[in-house]
Amino acid sequence: MPKRISIAKHLDIAELEQLYRETKDRVESRQYQIIWLLAQGKKTEEVEEVTGYSRTWIYALVKRYNQLGISGI
């Protein structure tokens, strides 16, 4: 069973959802969606299916977000 990705608590789940839904830039919005879904405890495979992004790309995004916060988006 794959382990869930750990997301740093730079923002809470409600703030991540708000950024995902209100950000006008489509790429940035999708990146917030990925972090938001993972922060809710979704599996990487589920996030891949919903967003169309690869596991490798998702891991890279999470690493940047965990290290840099929203400036990593």
PDB file of N, CA and C in Angstrom:
ATOM      1  N   MET A   1       0.848  -1.179   0.000  1.00  0.00           N
ATOM      2  CA  MET A   1       0.000   0.000   0.000  1.00  0.00           C
ATOM      3  C   MET A   1       0.892   1.240   0.000  1.00  0.00           C
ATOM      4  N   PRO A   2       0.696   2.158  -0.967  1.00  0.00           N
ATOM      5  CA  PRO A   2       1.536   3.353  -1.011  1.00  0.00           C
ATOM      6  C   PRO A   2       1.260   4.269   0.177  1.00  0.00           C
ATOM      7  N   LYS A   3       2.328   4.892   0.670  1.00  0.00           N
ATOM      8  CA  LYS A   3       2.130   5.817   1.789  1.00  0.00           C
ATOM      9  C   LYS A   3       1.663   7.172   1.265  1.00  0.00           C
ATOM     10  N   ARG A   4       0.981   7.888   2.100  1.00  0.00           N
ATOM     11  CA  ARG A   4       0.479   9.208   1.721  1.00  0.00           C
ATOM     12  C   ARG A   4       1.606  10.226   1.824  1.00  0.00           C
ATOM     13  N   ILE A   5       1.535  11.211   0.969  1.00  0.00           N
ATOM     14  CA  ILE A   5       2.543  12.264   0.961  1.00  0.00           C
ATOM     15  C   ILE A   5       2.253  13.230   2.101  1.00  0.00           C
ATOM     16  N   SER A   6       3.290  13.653   2.776  1.00  0.00           N
ATOM     17  CA  SER A   6       3.157  14.617   3.868  1.00  0.00           C
ATOM     18  C   SER A   6       3.239  16.034   3.307  1.00  0.00           C
ATOM     19  N   ILE A   7       2.263  16.860   3.675  1.00  0.00           N
ATOM     20  CA  ILE A   7       2.212  18.251   3.225  1.00  0.00           C
ATOM     21  C   ILE A   7       2.480  19.157   4.424  1.00  0.00           C
ATOM     22  N   ALA A   8       3.449  20.064   4.272  1.00  0.00           N
ATOM     23  CA  ALA A   8       3.766  21.025   5.336  1.00  0.00           C
ATOM     24  C   ALA A   8       2.553  21.913   5.599  1.00  0.00           C
ATOM     25  N   LYS A   9       2.382  22.328   6.826  1.00  0.00           N
ATOM     26  CA  LYS A   9       1.210  23.109   7.247  1.00  0.00           C
ATOM     27  C   LYS A   9       1.417  24.617   7.048  1.00  0.00           C
ATOM     28  N   HIS A  10       1.832  25.007   5.847  1.00  0.00           N
ATOM     29  CA  HIS A  10       1.975  26.437   5.556  1.00  0.00           C
ATOM     30  C   HIS A  10       0.604  27.119   5.555  1.00  0.00           C
ATOM     31  N   LEU A  11      -0.393  26.414   5.019  1.00  0.00           N
ATOM     32  CA  LEU A  11      -1.772  26.908   4.965  1.00  0.00           C
ATOM     33  C   LEU A  11      -2.694  25.779   5.410  1.00  0.00           C
ATOM     34  N   ASP A  12      -3.868  26.138   5.937  1.00  0.00           N
ATOM     35  CA  ASP A  12      -4.806  25.076   6.291  1.00  0.00           C
ATOM     36  C   ASP A  12      -5.597  24.659   5.049  1.00  0.00           C
ATOM     37  N   ILE A  13      -6.361  23.604   5.186  1.00  0.00           N
ATOM     38  CA  ILE A  13      -7.080  23.035   4.043  1.00  0.00           C
ATOM     39  C   ILE A  13      -8.057  24.037   3.439  1.00  0.00           C
ATOM     40  N   ALA A  14      -8.744  24.804   4.262  1.00  0.00           N
ATOM     41  CA  ALA A  14      -9.700  25.795   3.753  1.00  0.00           C
ATOM     42  C   ALA A  14      -8.994  26.879   2.940  1.00  0.00           C
ATOM     43  N   GLU A  15      -7.828  27.315   3.397  1.00  0.00           N
ATOM     44  CA  GLU A  15      -7.066  28.331   2.655  1.00  0.00           C
ATOM     45  C   GLU A  15      -6.579  27.781   1.318  1.00  0.00           C
ATOM     46  N   LEU A  16      -6.136  26.529   1.312  1.00  0.00           N
ATOM     47  CA  LEU A  16      -5.697  25.908   0.060  1.00  0.00           C
ATOM     48  C   LEU A  16      -6.858  25.791  -0.925  1.00  0.00           C
ATOM     49  N   GLU A  17      -8.021  25.395  -0.425  1.00  0.00           N
ATOM     50  CA  GLU A  17      -9.194  25.295  -1.298  1.00  0.00           C
ATOM     51  C   GLU A  17      -9.561  26.658  -1.873  1.00  0.00           C
ATOM     52  N   GLN A  18      -9.525  27.677  -1.043  1.00  0.00           N
ATOM     53  CA  GLN A  18      -9.859  29.024  -1.506  1.00  0.00           C
ATOM     54  C   GLN A  18      -8.890  29.473  -2.607  1.00  0.00           C
ATOM     55  N   LEU A  19      -7.609  29.251  -2.409  1.00  0.00           N
ATOM     56  CA  LEU A  19      -6.626  29.616  -3.432  1.00  0.00           C
ATOM     57  C   LEU A  19      -6.858  28.822  -4.716  1.00  0.00           C
ATOM     58  N   TYR A  20      -7.139  27.540  -4.585  1.00  0.00           N
ATOM     59  CA  TYR A  20      -7.424  26.698  -5.753  1.00  0.00           C
ATOM     60  C   TYR A  20      -8.622  27.243  -6.528  1.00  0.00           C
ATOM     61  N   ARG A  21      -9.676  27.582  -5.843  1.00  0.00           N
ATOM     62  CA  ARG A  21     -10.905  28.008  -6.514  1.00  0.00           C
ATOM     63  C   ARG A  21     -10.865  29.454  -7.022  1.00  0.00           C
ATOM     64  N   GLU A  22     -10.078  30.315  -6.375  1.00  0.00           N
ATOM     65  CA  GLU A  22     -10.106  31.739  -6.724  1.00  0.00           C
ATOM     66  C   GLU A  22      -8.942  32.210  -7.589  1.00  0.00           C
ATOM     67  N   THR A  23      -7.884  31.416  -7.690  1.00  0.00           N
ATOM     68  CA  THR A  23      -6.739  31.820  -8.497  1.00  0.00           C
ATOM     69  C   THR A  23      -7.122  31.770  -9.968  1.00  0.00           C
ATOM     70  N   LYS A  24      -6.861  32.861 -10.680  1.00  0.00           N
ATOM     71  CA  LYS A  24      -7.259  32.977 -12.087  1.00  0.00           C
ATOM     72  C   LYS A  24      -6.334  32.211 -13.027  1.00  0.00           C
ATOM     73  N   ASP A  25      -5.048  32.139 -12.698  1.00  0.00           N
ATOM     74  CA  ASP A  25      -4.093  31.423 -13.540  1.00  0.00           C
ATOM     75  C   ASP A  25      -4.373  29.921 -13.450  1.00  0.00           C
ATOM     76  N   ARG A  26      -4.621  29.282 -14.593  1.00  0.00           N
ATOM     77  CA  ARG A  26      -5.039  27.873 -14.591  1.00  0.00           C
ATOM     78  C   ARG A  26      -3.962  26.931 -14.056  1.00  0.00           C
ATOM     79  N   VAL A  27      -2.714  27.184 -14.416  1.00  0.00           N
ATOM     80  CA  VAL A  27      -1.628  26.315 -13.952  1.00  0.00           C
ATOM     81  C   VAL A  27      -1.465  26.443 -12.440  1.00  0.00           C
ATOM     82  N   GLU A  28      -1.446  27.672 -11.960  1.00  0.00           N
ATOM     83  CA  GLU A  28      -1.312  27.912 -10.519  1.00  0.00           C
ATOM     84  C   GLU A  28      -2.496  27.309  -9.760  1.00  0.00           C
ATOM     85  N   SER A  29      -3.685  27.470 -10.305  1.00  0.00           N
ATOM     86  CA  SER A  29      -4.880  26.909  -9.680  1.00  0.00           C
ATOM     87  C   SER A  29      -4.772  25.390  -9.568  1.00  0.00           C
ATOM     88  N   ARG A  30      -4.291  24.745 -10.629  1.00  0.00           N
ATOM     89  CA  ARG A  30      -4.139  23.291 -10.623  1.00  0.00           C
ATOM     90  C   ARG A  30      -3.105  22.857  -9.588  1.00  0.00           C
ATOM     91  N   GLN A  31      -2.051  23.646  -9.433  1.00  0.00           N
ATOM     92  CA  GLN A  31      -1.034  23.317  -8.439  1.00  0.00           C
ATOM     93  C   GLN A  31      -1.600  23.426  -7.024  1.00  0.00           C
ATOM     94  N   TYR A  32      -2.395  24.458  -6.768  1.00  0.00           N
ATOM     95  CA  TYR A  32      -3.067  24.556  -5.463  1.00  0.00           C
ATOM     96  C   TYR A  32      -4.024  23.385  -5.263  1.00  0.00           C
ATOM     97  N   GLN A  33      -4.700  22.971  -6.328  1.00  0.00           N
ATOM     98  CA  GLN A  33      -5.610  21.835  -6.226  1.00  0.00           C
ATOM     99  C   GLN A  33      -4.854  20.579  -5.794  1.00  0.00           C
ATOM    100  N   ILE A  34      -3.696  20.355  -6.386  1.00  0.00           N
ATOM    101  CA  ILE A  34      -2.889  19.181  -6.043  1.00  0.00           C
ATOM    102  C   ILE A  34      -2.522  19.202  -4.563  1.00  0.00           C
ATOM    103  N   ILE A  35      -2.011  20.332  -4.090  1.00  0.00           N
ATOM    104  CA  ILE A  35      -1.620  20.438  -2.679  1.00  0.00           C
ATOM    105  C   ILE A  35      -2.846  20.286  -1.783  1.00  0.00           C
ATOM    106  N   TRP A  36      -3.952  20.898  -2.158  1.00  0.00           N
ATOM    107  CA  TRP A  36      -5.202  20.817  -1.393  1.00  0.00           C
ATOM    108  C   TRP A  36      -5.680  19.364  -1.275  1.00  0.00           C
ATOM    109  N   LEU A  37      -5.697  18.641  -2.392  1.00  0.00           N
ATOM    110  CA  LEU A  37      -6.147  17.249  -2.369  1.00  0.00           C
ATOM    111  C   LEU A  37      -5.242  16.384  -1.497  1.00  0.00           C
ATOM    112  N   LEU A  38      -3.936  16.564  -1.636  1.00  0.00           N
ATOM    113  CA  LEU A  38      -3.000  15.785  -0.827  1.00  0.00           C
ATOM    114  C   LEU A  38      -3.112  16.142   0.652  1.00  0.00           C
ATOM    115  N   ALA A  39      -3.345  17.412   0.957  1.00  0.00           N
ATOM    116  CA  ALA A  39      -3.495  17.850   2.349  1.00  0.00           C
ATOM    117  C   ALA A  39      -4.739  17.226   2.990  1.00  0.00           C
ATOM    118  N   GLN A  40      -5.725  16.880   2.163  1.00  0.00           N
ATOM    119  CA  GLN A  40      -6.933  16.207   2.656  1.00  0.00           C
ATOM    120  C   GLN A  40      -6.709  14.720   2.894  1.00  0.00           C
ATOM    121  N   GLY A  41      -5.546  14.216   2.484  1.00  0.00           N
ATOM    122  CA  GLY A  41      -5.245  12.804   2.674  1.00  0.00           C
ATOM    123  C   GLY A  41      -5.485  11.941   1.457  1.00  0.00           C
ATOM    124  N   LYS A  42      -5.742  12.565   0.307  1.00  0.00           N
ATOM    125  CA  LYS A  42      -5.930  11.788  -0.921  1.00  0.00           C
ATOM    126  C   LYS A  42      -4.623  11.107  -1.296  1.00  0.00           C
ATOM    127  N   LYS A  43      -4.721   9.955  -1.932  1.00  0.00           N
ATOM    128  CA  LYS A  43      -3.548   9.227  -2.400  1.00  0.00           C
ATOM    129  C   LYS A  43      -3.017   9.881  -3.673  1.00  0.00           C
ATOM    130  N   THR A  44      -1.732   9.711  -3.894  1.00  0.00           N
ATOM    131  CA  THR A  44      -1.101  10.267  -5.088  1.00  0.00           C
ATOM    132  C   THR A  44      -1.800   9.773  -6.351  1.00  0.00           C
ATOM    133  N   GLU A  45      -2.175   8.503  -6.380  1.00  0.00           N
ATOM    134  CA  GLU A  45      -2.837   7.932  -7.548  1.00  0.00           C
ATOM    135  C   GLU A  45      -4.156   8.645  -7.839  1.00  0.00           C
ATOM    136  N   GLU A  46      -4.897   8.982  -6.794  1.00  0.00           N
ATOM    137  CA  GLU A  46      -6.159   9.707  -6.972  1.00  0.00           C
ATOM    138  C   GLU A  46      -5.900  11.092  -7.554  1.00  0.00           C
ATOM    139  N   VAL A  47      -4.877  11.754  -7.041  1.00  0.00           N
ATOM    140  CA  VAL A  47      -4.546  13.101  -7.506  1.00  0.00           C
ATOM    141  C   VAL A  47      -4.081  13.051  -8.960  1.00  0.00           C
ATOM    142  N   GLU A  48      -3.327  12.026  -9.320  1.00  0.00           N
ATOM    143  CA  GLU A  48      -2.907  11.842 -10.714  1.00  0.00           C
ATOM    144  C   GLU A  48      -4.127  11.749 -11.627  1.00  0.00           C
ATOM    145  N   GLU A  49      -5.099  10.936 -11.234  1.00  0.00           N
ATOM    146  CA  GLU A  49      -6.304  10.741 -12.042  1.00  0.00           C
ATOM    147  C   GLU A  49      -7.102  12.028 -12.193  1.00  0.00           C
ATOM    148  N   VAL A  50      -7.269  12.764 -11.109  1.00  0.00           N
ATOM    149  CA  VAL A  50      -8.080  13.983 -11.124  1.00  0.00           C
ATOM    150  C   VAL A  50      -7.417  15.097 -11.929  1.00  0.00           C
ATOM    151  N   THR A  51      -6.103  15.241 -11.770  1.00  0.00           N
ATOM    152  CA  THR A  51      -5.411  16.394 -12.356  1.00  0.00           C
ATOM    153  C   THR A  51      -4.724  16.109 -13.679  1.00  0.00           C
ATOM    154  N   GLY A  52      -4.394  14.851 -13.933  1.00  0.00           N
ATOM    155  CA  GLY A  52      -3.674  14.512 -15.152  1.00  0.00           C
ATOM    156  C   GLY A  52      -2.167  14.697 -15.058  1.00  0.00           C
ATOM    157  N   TYR A  53      -1.673  15.098 -13.895  1.00  0.00           N
ATOM    158  CA  TYR A  53      -0.233  15.276 -13.705  1.00  0.00           C
ATOM    159  C   TYR A  53       0.402  13.957 -13.278  1.00  0.00           C
ATOM    160  N   SER A  54       1.675  13.767 -13.640  1.00  0.00           N
ATOM    161  CA  SER A  54       2.390  12.536 -13.302  1.00  0.00           C
ATOM    162  C   SER A  54       2.802  12.536 -11.833  1.00  0.00           C
ATOM    163  N   ARG A  55       3.064  11.347 -11.336  1.00  0.00           N
ATOM    164  CA  ARG A  55       3.514  11.190  -9.952  1.00  0.00           C
ATOM    165  C   ARG A  55       4.827  11.944  -9.724  1.00  0.00           C
ATOM    166  N   THR A  56       5.737  11.853 -10.684  1.00  0.00           N
ATOM    167  CA  THR A  56       7.030  12.537 -10.567  1.00  0.00           C
ATOM    168  C   THR A  56       6.837  14.040 -10.428  1.00  0.00           C
ATOM    169  N   TRP A  57       5.953  14.605 -11.247  1.00  0.00           N
ATOM    170  CA  TRP A  57       5.705  16.047 -11.200  1.00  0.00           C
ATOM    171  C   TRP A  57       5.046  16.427  -9.876  1.00  0.00           C
ATOM    172  N   ILE A  58       4.114  15.615  -9.414  1.00  0.00           N
ATOM    173  CA  ILE A  58       3.436  15.877  -8.138  1.00  0.00           C
ATOM    174  C   ILE A  58       4.448  15.878  -6.997  1.00  0.00           C
ATOM    175  N   TYR A  59       5.351  14.900  -6.985  1.00  0.00           N
ATOM    176  CA  TYR A  59       6.382  14.851  -5.938  1.00  0.00           C
ATOM    177  C   TYR A  59       7.264  16.093  -5.973  1.00  0.00           C
ATOM    178  N   ALA A  60       7.622  16.552  -7.176  1.00  0.00           N
ATOM    179  CA  ALA A  60       8.461  17.754  -7.306  1.00  0.00           C
ATOM    180  C   ALA A  60       7.723  18.982  -6.771  1.00  0.00           C
ATOM    181  N   LEU A  61       6.433  19.102  -7.087  1.00  0.00           N
ATOM    182  CA  LEU A  61       5.631  20.221  -6.597  1.00  0.00           C
ATOM    183  C   LEU A  61       5.541  20.191  -5.075  1.00  0.00           C
ATOM    184  N   VAL A  62       5.280  19.028  -4.513  1.00  0.00           N
ATOM    185  CA  VAL A  62       5.163  18.895  -3.057  1.00  0.00           C
ATOM    186  C   VAL A  62       6.481  19.258  -2.382  1.00  0.00           C
ATOM    187  N   LYS A  63       7.576  18.814  -2.947  1.00  0.00           N
ATOM    188  CA  LYS A  63       8.886  19.140  -2.373  1.00  0.00           C
ATOM    189  C   LYS A  63       9.091  20.653  -2.340  1.00  0.00           C
ATOM    190  N   ARG A  64       8.774  21.336  -3.451  1.00  0.00           N
ATOM    191  CA  ARG A  64       8.906  22.802  -3.496  1.00  0.00           C
ATOM    192  C   ARG A  64       7.976  23.468  -2.492  1.00  0.00           C
ATOM    193  N   TYR A  65       6.718  23.016  -2.444  1.00  0.00           N
ATOM    194  CA  TYR A  65       5.749  23.610  -1.519  1.00  0.00           C
ATOM    195  C   TYR A  65       6.186  23.396  -0.072  1.00  0.00           C
ATOM    196  N   ASN A  66       6.616  22.192   0.256  1.00  0.00           N
ATOM    197  CA  ASN A  66       7.034  21.908   1.630  1.00  0.00           C
ATOM    198  C   ASN A  66       8.231  22.761   2.047  1.00  0.00           C
ATOM    199  N   GLN A  67       9.137  23.016   1.116  1.00  0.00           N
ATOM    200  CA  GLN A  67      10.330  23.802   1.425  1.00  0.00           C
ATOM    201  C   GLN A  67      10.064  25.308   1.414  1.00  0.00           C
ATOM    202  N   LEU A  68       9.256  25.773   0.443  1.00  0.00           N
ATOM    203  CA  LEU A  68       9.124  27.211   0.194  1.00  0.00           C
ATOM    204  C   LEU A  68       7.755  27.802   0.521  1.00  0.00           C
ATOM    205  N   GLY A  69       6.785  26.966   0.834  1.00  0.00           N
ATOM    206  CA  GLY A  69       5.434  27.474   1.049  1.00  0.00           C
ATOM    207  C   GLY A  69       4.806  27.886  -0.269  1.00  0.00           C
ATOM    208  N   ILE A  70       3.912  28.878  -0.234  1.00  0.00           N
ATOM    209  CA  ILE A  70       3.198  29.241  -1.457  1.00  0.00           C
ATOM    210  C   ILE A  70       4.112  29.844  -2.520  1.00  0.00           C
ATOM    211  N   SER A  71       5.280  30.317  -2.149  1.00  0.00           N
ATOM    212  CA  SER A  71       6.203  30.815  -3.178  1.00  0.00           C
ATOM    213  C   SER A  71       6.748  29.668  -4.027  1.00  0.00           C
ATOM    214  N   GLY A  72       6.557  28.420  -3.597  1.00  0.00           N
ATOM    215  CA  GLY A  72       6.960  27.256  -4.374  1.00  0.00           C
ATOM    216  C   GLY A  72       5.934  26.835  -5.407  1.00  0.00           C
ATOM    217  N   ILE A  73       4.795  27.500  -5.410  1.00  0.00           N
ATOM    218  CA  ILE A  73       3.726  27.197  -6.377  1.00  0.00           C
ATOM    219  C   ILE A  73       3.996  27.932  -7.672  1.00  0.00           C
TER     220      ILE A  73
END
